[in-house]
């Protein structure tokens, strides 16, 4: 699976497509790694949880598909 990485100031965002309307993304700020889900048909992102490693976060995010 290809992942897209964006750096926005002190934040790193990882997602499965260059632009997402629904699906998931991972946000990294410092040592905090959080998975978010964007509901189908849009809406505010829902925080799924915080993870200790990037690999754990990716596994959870991929399971949301």
PDB file of N, CA and C in Angstrom:
ATOM      1  N   UNK A   1       0.843  -1.179   0.000  1.00  0.00           N
ATOM      2  CA  UNK A   1       0.000   0.000   0.000  1.00  0.00           C
ATOM      3  C   UNK A   1       0.883   1.234   0.000  1.00  0.00           C
ATOM      4  N   UNK A   2       0.592   2.155  -0.882  1.00  0.00           N
ATOM      5  CA  UNK A   2       1.302   3.438  -0.905  1.00  0.00           C
ATOM      6  C   UNK A   2       0.689   4.359   0.138  1.00  0.00           C
ATOM      7  N   UNK A   3       1.524   5.096   0.825  1.00  0.00           N
ATOM      8  CA  UNK A   3       1.048   6.076   1.801  1.00  0.00           C
ATOM      9  C   UNK A   3       1.630   7.434   1.441  1.00  0.00           C
ATOM     10  N   UNK A   4       0.849   8.464   1.641  1.00  0.00           N
ATOM     11  CA  UNK A   4       1.280   9.831   1.367  1.00  0.00           C
ATOM     12  C   UNK A   4       1.598  10.508   2.692  1.00  0.00           C
ATOM     13  N   UNK A   5       2.691  11.235   2.717  1.00  0.00           N
ATOM     14  CA  UNK A   5       3.140  11.913   3.926  1.00  0.00           C
ATOM     15  C   UNK A   5       3.197  13.409   3.681  1.00  0.00           C
ATOM     16  N   UNK A   6       2.608  14.170   4.600  1.00  0.00           N
ATOM     17  CA  UNK A   6       2.597  15.627   4.519  1.00  0.00           C
ATOM     18  C   UNK A   6       3.162  16.191   5.810  1.00  0.00           C
ATOM     19  N   UNK A   7       4.004  17.182   5.694  1.00  0.00           N
ATOM     20  CA  UNK A   7       4.565  17.851   6.870  1.00  0.00           C
ATOM     21  C   UNK A   7       3.954  19.244   6.924  1.00  0.00           C
ATOM     22  N   UNK A   8       3.286  19.524   8.044  1.00  0.00           N
ATOM     23  CA  UNK A   8       2.610  20.811   8.247  1.00  0.00           C
ATOM     24  C   UNK A   8       3.109  21.409   9.557  1.00  0.00           C
ATOM     25  N   UNK A   9       4.133  22.236   9.496  1.00  0.00           N
ATOM     26  CA  UNK A   9       4.713  22.806  10.715  1.00  0.00           C
ATOM     27  C   UNK A   9       5.330  21.712  11.569  1.00  0.00           C
ATOM     28  N   UNK A  10       4.837  21.544  12.799  1.00  0.00           N
ATOM     29  CA  UNK A  10       5.373  20.522  13.698  1.00  0.00           C
ATOM     30  C   UNK A  10       4.576  19.211  13.626  1.00  0.00           C
ATOM     31  N   UNK A  11       3.729  19.085  12.618  1.00  0.00           N
ATOM     32  CA  UNK A  11       2.828  17.953  12.494  1.00  0.00           C
ATOM     33  C   UNK A  11       3.143  17.154  11.228  1.00  0.00           C
ATOM     34  N   UNK A  12       3.109  15.822  11.336  1.00  0.00           N
ATOM     35  CA  UNK A  12       3.263  14.932  10.182  1.00  0.00           C
ATOM     36  C   UNK A  12       1.936  14.210  10.011  1.00  0.00           C
ATOM     37  N   UNK A  13       1.445  14.186   8.785  1.00  0.00           N
ATOM     38  CA  UNK A  13       0.174  13.531   8.482  1.00  0.00           C
ATOM     39  C   UNK A  13       0.432  12.451   7.434  1.00  0.00           C
ATOM     40  N   UNK A  14      -0.053  11.239   7.705  1.00  0.00           N
ATOM     41  CA  UNK A  14       0.115  10.104   6.802  1.00  0.00           C
ATOM     42  C   UNK A  14      -1.282   9.627   6.415  1.00  0.00           C
ATOM     43  N   UNK A  15      -1.501   9.443   5.105  1.00  0.00           N
ATOM     44  CA  UNK A  15      -2.816   9.009   4.647  1.00  0.00           C
ATOM     45  C   UNK A  15      -2.690   8.174   3.381  1.00  0.00           C
ATOM     46  N   UNK A  16      -3.753   7.420   3.026  1.00  0.00           N
ATOM     47  CA  UNK A  16      -3.671   6.488   1.898  1.00  0.00           C
ATOM     48  C   UNK A  16      -3.835   7.121   0.516  1.00  0.00           C
ATOM     49  N   UNK A  17      -4.152   8.404   0.436  1.00  0.00           N
ATOM     50  CA  UNK A  17      -4.355   9.090  -0.851  1.00  0.00           C
ATOM     51  C   UNK A  17      -3.953  10.553  -0.691  1.00  0.00           C
ATOM     52  N   UNK A  18      -3.655  11.223  -1.816  1.00  0.00           N
ATOM     53  CA  UNK A  18      -3.256  12.625  -1.704  1.00  0.00           C
ATOM     54  C   UNK A  18      -4.364  13.509  -1.110  1.00  0.00           C
ATOM     55  N   UNK A  19      -5.615  13.131  -1.366  1.00  0.00           N
ATOM     56  CA  UNK A  19      -6.763  13.868  -0.833  1.00  0.00           C
ATOM     57  C   UNK A  19      -7.791  12.835  -0.394  1.00  0.00           C
ATOM     58  N   UNK A  20      -8.325  12.982   0.805  1.00  0.00           N
ATOM     59  CA  UNK A  20      -9.316  12.016   1.275  1.00  0.00           C
ATOM     60  C   UNK A  20     -10.600  12.725   1.687  1.00  0.00           C
ATOM     61  N   UNK A  21     -11.722  12.195   1.226  1.00  0.00           N
ATOM     62  CA  UNK A  21     -13.033  12.695   1.628  1.00  0.00           C
ATOM     63  C   UNK A  21     -13.627  11.822   2.719  1.00  0.00           C
ATOM     64  N   UNK A  22     -13.262  10.557   2.705  1.00  0.00           N
ATOM     65  CA  UNK A  22     -13.618   9.639   3.778  1.00  0.00           C
ATOM     66  C   UNK A  22     -12.489   8.620   3.871  1.00  0.00           C
ATOM     67  N   UNK A  23     -12.351   8.031   5.024  1.00  0.00           N
ATOM     68  CA  UNK A  23     -11.250   7.102   5.232  1.00  0.00           C
ATOM     69  C   UNK A  23     -10.497   7.446   6.501  1.00  0.00           C
ATOM     70  N   UNK A  24      -9.181   7.338   6.464  1.00  0.00           N
ATOM     71  CA  UNK A  24      -8.393   7.529   7.679  1.00  0.00           C
ATOM     72  C   UNK A  24      -7.127   8.333   7.402  1.00  0.00           C
ATOM     73  N   UNK A  25      -6.568   8.847   8.476  1.00  0.00           N
ATOM     74  CA  UNK A  25      -5.227   9.435   8.427  1.00  0.00           C
ATOM     75  C   UNK A  25      -4.586   9.301   9.796  1.00  0.00           C
ATOM     76  N   UNK A  26      -3.277   9.374   9.799  1.00  0.00           N
ATOM     77  CA  UNK A  26      -2.492   9.294  11.030  1.00  0.00           C
ATOM     78  C   UNK A  26      -1.801  10.633  11.210  1.00  0.00           C
ATOM     79  N   UNK A  27      -1.886  11.161  12.415  1.00  0.00           N
ATOM     80  CA  UNK A  27      -1.252  12.443  12.713  1.00  0.00           C
ATOM     81  C   UNK A  27      -0.181  12.210  13.772  1.00  0.00           C
ATOM     82  N   UNK A  28       1.014  12.719  13.513  1.00  0.00           N
ATOM     83  CA  UNK A  28       2.122  12.588  14.456  1.00  0.00           C
ATOM     84  C   UNK A  28       2.545  13.989  14.879  1.00  0.00           C
ATOM     85  N   UNK A  29       2.484  14.241  16.169  1.00  0.00           N
ATOM     86  CA  UNK A  29       2.967  15.501  16.735  1.00  0.00           C
ATOM     87  C   UNK A  29       3.899  15.115  17.877  1.00  0.00           C
ATOM     88  N   UNK A  30       5.185  15.391  17.691  1.00  0.00           N
ATOM     89  CA  UNK A  30       6.181  14.965  18.688  1.00  0.00           C
ATOM     90  C   UNK A  30       6.187  13.456  18.775  1.00  0.00           C
ATOM     91  N   UNK A  31       5.896  12.926  19.968  1.00  0.00           N
ATOM     92  CA  UNK A  31       5.854  11.474  20.143  1.00  0.00           C
ATOM     93  C   UNK A  31       4.420  10.935  20.151  1.00  0.00           C
ATOM     94  N   UNK A  32       3.434  11.797  19.938  1.00  0.00           N
ATOM     95  CA  UNK A  32       2.033  11.378  19.918  1.00  0.00           C
ATOM     96  C   UNK A  32       1.647  10.925  18.512  1.00  0.00           C
ATOM     97  N   UNK A  33       1.140   9.694  18.407  1.00  0.00           N
ATOM     98  CA  UNK A  33       0.718   9.112  17.133  1.00  0.00           C
ATOM     99  C   UNK A  33      -0.766   8.792  17.266  1.00  0.00           C
ATOM    100  N   UNK A  34      -1.601   9.474  16.488  1.00  0.00           N
ATOM    101  CA  UNK A  34      -3.049   9.341  16.613  1.00  0.00           C
ATOM    102  C   UNK A  34      -3.668   8.965  15.279  1.00  0.00           C
ATOM    103  N   UNK A  35      -4.616   8.026  15.312  1.00  0.00           N
ATOM    104  CA  UNK A  35      -5.364   7.634  14.124  1.00  0.00           C
ATOM    105  C   UNK A  35      -6.720   8.333  14.154  1.00  0.00           C
ATOM    106  N   UNK A  36      -7.097   8.901  13.001  1.00  0.00           N
ATOM    107  CA  UNK A  36      -8.392   9.541  12.836  1.00  0.00           C
ATOM    108  C   UNK A  36      -9.133   8.901  11.682  1.00  0.00           C
ATOM    109  N   UNK A  37     -10.453   8.851  11.778  1.00  0.00           N
ATOM    110  CA  UNK A  37     -11.283   8.373  10.681  1.00  0.00           C
ATOM    111  C   UNK A  37     -12.188   9.507  10.227  1.00  0.00           C
ATOM    112  N   UNK A  38     -12.284   9.684   8.915  1.00  0.00           N
ATOM    113  CA  UNK A  38     -13.196  10.674   8.348  1.00  0.00           C
ATOM    114  C   UNK A  38     -14.433   9.905   7.891  1.00  0.00           C
ATOM    115  N   UNK A  39     -15.612  10.260   8.400  1.00  0.00           N
ATOM    116  CA  UNK A  39     -16.822   9.518   8.064  1.00  0.00           C
ATOM    117  C   UNK A  39     -17.157   9.579   6.575  1.00  0.00           C
ATOM    118  N   UNK A  40     -17.815   8.539   6.098  1.00  0.00           N
ATOM    119  CA  UNK A  40     -18.321   8.511   4.729  1.00  0.00           C
ATOM    120  C   UNK A  40     -19.237   9.708   4.521  1.00  0.00           C
ATOM    121  N   UNK A  41     -19.149  10.351   3.400  1.00  0.00           N
ATOM    122  CA  UNK A  41     -19.894  11.569   3.057  1.00  0.00           C
ATOM    123  C   UNK A  41     -19.425  12.785   3.840  1.00  0.00           C
ATOM    124  N   UNK A  42     -18.233  12.712   4.433  1.00  0.00           N
ATOM    125  CA  UNK A  42     -17.630  13.868   5.094  1.00  0.00           C
ATOM    126  C   UNK A  42     -18.034  14.004   6.549  1.00  0.00           C
ATOM    127  N   UNK A  43     -17.673  15.106   7.111  1.00  0.00           N
ATOM    128  CA  UNK A  43     -17.925  15.355   8.526  1.00  0.00           C
ATOM    129  C   UNK A  43     -16.609  15.528   9.256  1.00  0.00           C
ATOM    130  N   UNK A  44     -16.708  15.799  10.527  1.00  0.00           N
ATOM    131  CA  UNK A  44     -15.514  16.003  11.344  1.00  0.00           C
ATOM    132  C   UNK A  44     -14.792  14.678  11.577  1.00  0.00           C
ATOM    133  N   UNK A  45     -13.456  14.708  11.550  1.00  0.00           N
ATOM    134  CA  UNK A  45     -12.695  13.487  11.835  1.00  0.00           C
ATOM    135  C   UNK A  45     -12.993  12.967  13.245  1.00  0.00           C
ATOM    136  N   UNK A  46     -13.014  11.654  13.373  1.00  0.00           N
ATOM    137  CA  UNK A  46     -13.257  10.995  14.658  1.00  0.00           C
ATOM    138  C   UNK A  46     -11.938  10.391  15.123  1.00  0.00           C
ATOM    139  N   UNK A  47     -11.539  10.720  16.345  1.00  0.00           N
ATOM    140  CA  UNK A  47     -10.302  10.161  16.891  1.00  0.00           C
ATOM    141  C   UNK A  47     -10.527   8.698  17.247  1.00  0.00           C
ATOM    142  N   UNK A  48      -9.729   7.818  16.657  1.00  0.00           N
ATOM    143  CA  UNK A  48      -9.838   6.383  16.919  1.00  0.00           C
ATOM    144  C   UNK A  48      -8.991   6.007  18.121  1.00  0.00           C
ATOM    145  N   UNK A  49      -7.792   6.564  18.231  1.00  0.00           N
ATOM    146  CA  UNK A  49      -6.948   6.261  19.381  1.00  0.00           C
ATOM    147  C   UNK A  49      -5.513   6.697  19.182  1.00  0.00           C
ATOM    148  N   UNK A  50      -4.767   6.633  20.274  1.00  0.00           N
ATOM    149  CA  UNK A  50      -3.341   6.959  20.286  1.00  0.00           C
ATOM    150  C   UNK A  50      -2.550   5.659  20.345  1.00  0.00           C
ATOM    151  N   UNK A  51      -1.385   5.641  19.685  1.00  0.00           N
ATOM    152  CA  UNK A  51      -0.589   4.425  19.575  1.00  0.00           C
ATOM    153  C   UNK A  51       0.872   4.720  19.886  1.00  0.00           C
ATOM    154  N   UNK A  52       1.573   3.708  20.365  1.00  0.00           N
ATOM    155  CA  UNK A  52       2.974   3.867  20.747  1.00  0.00           C
ATOM    156  C   UNK A  52       3.911   3.818  19.552  1.00  0.00           C
ATOM    157  N   UNK A  53       3.526   3.074  18.515  1.00  0.00           N
ATOM    158  CA  UNK A  53       4.389   2.962  17.340  1.00  0.00           C
ATOM    159  C   UNK A  53       3.600   3.280  16.071  1.00  0.00           C
ATOM    160  N   UNK A  54       4.317   3.706  15.064  1.00  0.00           N
ATOM    161  CA  UNK A  54       3.691   3.993  13.780  1.00  0.00           C
ATOM    162  C   UNK A  54       3.112   2.722  13.171  1.00  0.00           C
ATOM    163  N   UNK A  55       3.801   1.601  13.313  1.00  0.00           N
ATOM    164  CA  UNK A  55       3.300   0.340  12.747  1.00  0.00           C
ATOM    165  C   UNK A  55       1.976  -0.068  13.390  1.00  0.00           C
ATOM    166  N   UNK A  56       1.838   0.118  14.698  1.00  0.00           N
ATOM    167  CA  UNK A  56       0.563  -0.179  15.362  1.00  0.00           C
ATOM    168  C   UNK A  56      -0.544   0.706  14.799  1.00  0.00           C
ATOM    169  N   UNK A  57      -0.240   1.983  14.613  1.00  0.00           N
ATOM    170  CA  UNK A  57      -1.236   2.921  14.080  1.00  0.00           C
ATOM    171  C   UNK A  57      -1.635   2.551  12.661  1.00  0.00           C
ATOM    172  N   UNK A  58      -0.675   2.158  11.829  1.00  0.00           N
ATOM    173  CA  UNK A  58      -0.973   1.771  10.452  1.00  0.00           C
ATOM    174  C   UNK A  58      -1.857   0.526  10.431  1.00  0.00           C
ATOM    175  N   UNK A  59      -1.569  -0.458  11.272  1.00  0.00           N
ATOM    176  CA  UNK A  59      -2.380  -1.674  11.313  1.00  0.00           C
ATOM    177  C   UNK A  59      -3.829  -1.352  11.665  1.00  0.00           C
ATOM    178  N   UNK A  60      -4.037  -0.506  12.661  1.00  0.00           N
ATOM    179  CA  UNK A  60      -5.382  -0.124  13.054  1.00  0.00           C
ATOM    180  C   UNK A  60      -6.060   0.657  11.937  1.00  0.00           C
ATOM    181  N   UNK A  61      -5.350   1.615  11.347  1.00  0.00           N
ATOM    182  CA  UNK A  61      -5.923   2.437  10.278  1.00  0.00           C
ATOM    183  C   UNK A  61      -6.346   1.582   9.094  1.00  0.00           C
ATOM    184  N   UNK A  62      -5.508   0.638   8.690  1.00  0.00           N
ATOM    185  CA  UNK A  62      -5.839  -0.231   7.561  1.00  0.00           C
ATOM    186  C   UNK A  62      -7.045  -1.113   7.861  1.00  0.00           C
ATOM    187  N   UNK A  63      -7.274  -1.444   9.122  1.00  0.00           N
ATOM    188  CA  UNK A  63      -8.421  -2.272   9.476  1.00  0.00           C
ATOM    189  C   UNK A  63      -9.736  -1.498   9.371  1.00  0.00           C
ATOM    190  N   UNK A  64      -9.666  -0.169   9.250  1.00  0.00           N
ATOM    191  CA  UNK A  64     -10.873   0.650   9.142  1.00  0.00           C
ATOM    192  C   UNK A  64     -11.468   0.602   7.729  1.00  0.00           C
ATOM    193  N   UNK A  65     -10.712   0.146   6.756  1.00  0.00           N
ATOM    194  CA  UNK A  65     -11.212   0.104   5.375  1.00  0.00           C
ATOM    195  C   UNK A  65     -12.312  -0.895   5.201  1.00  0.00           C
TER     196      UNK A  65
END
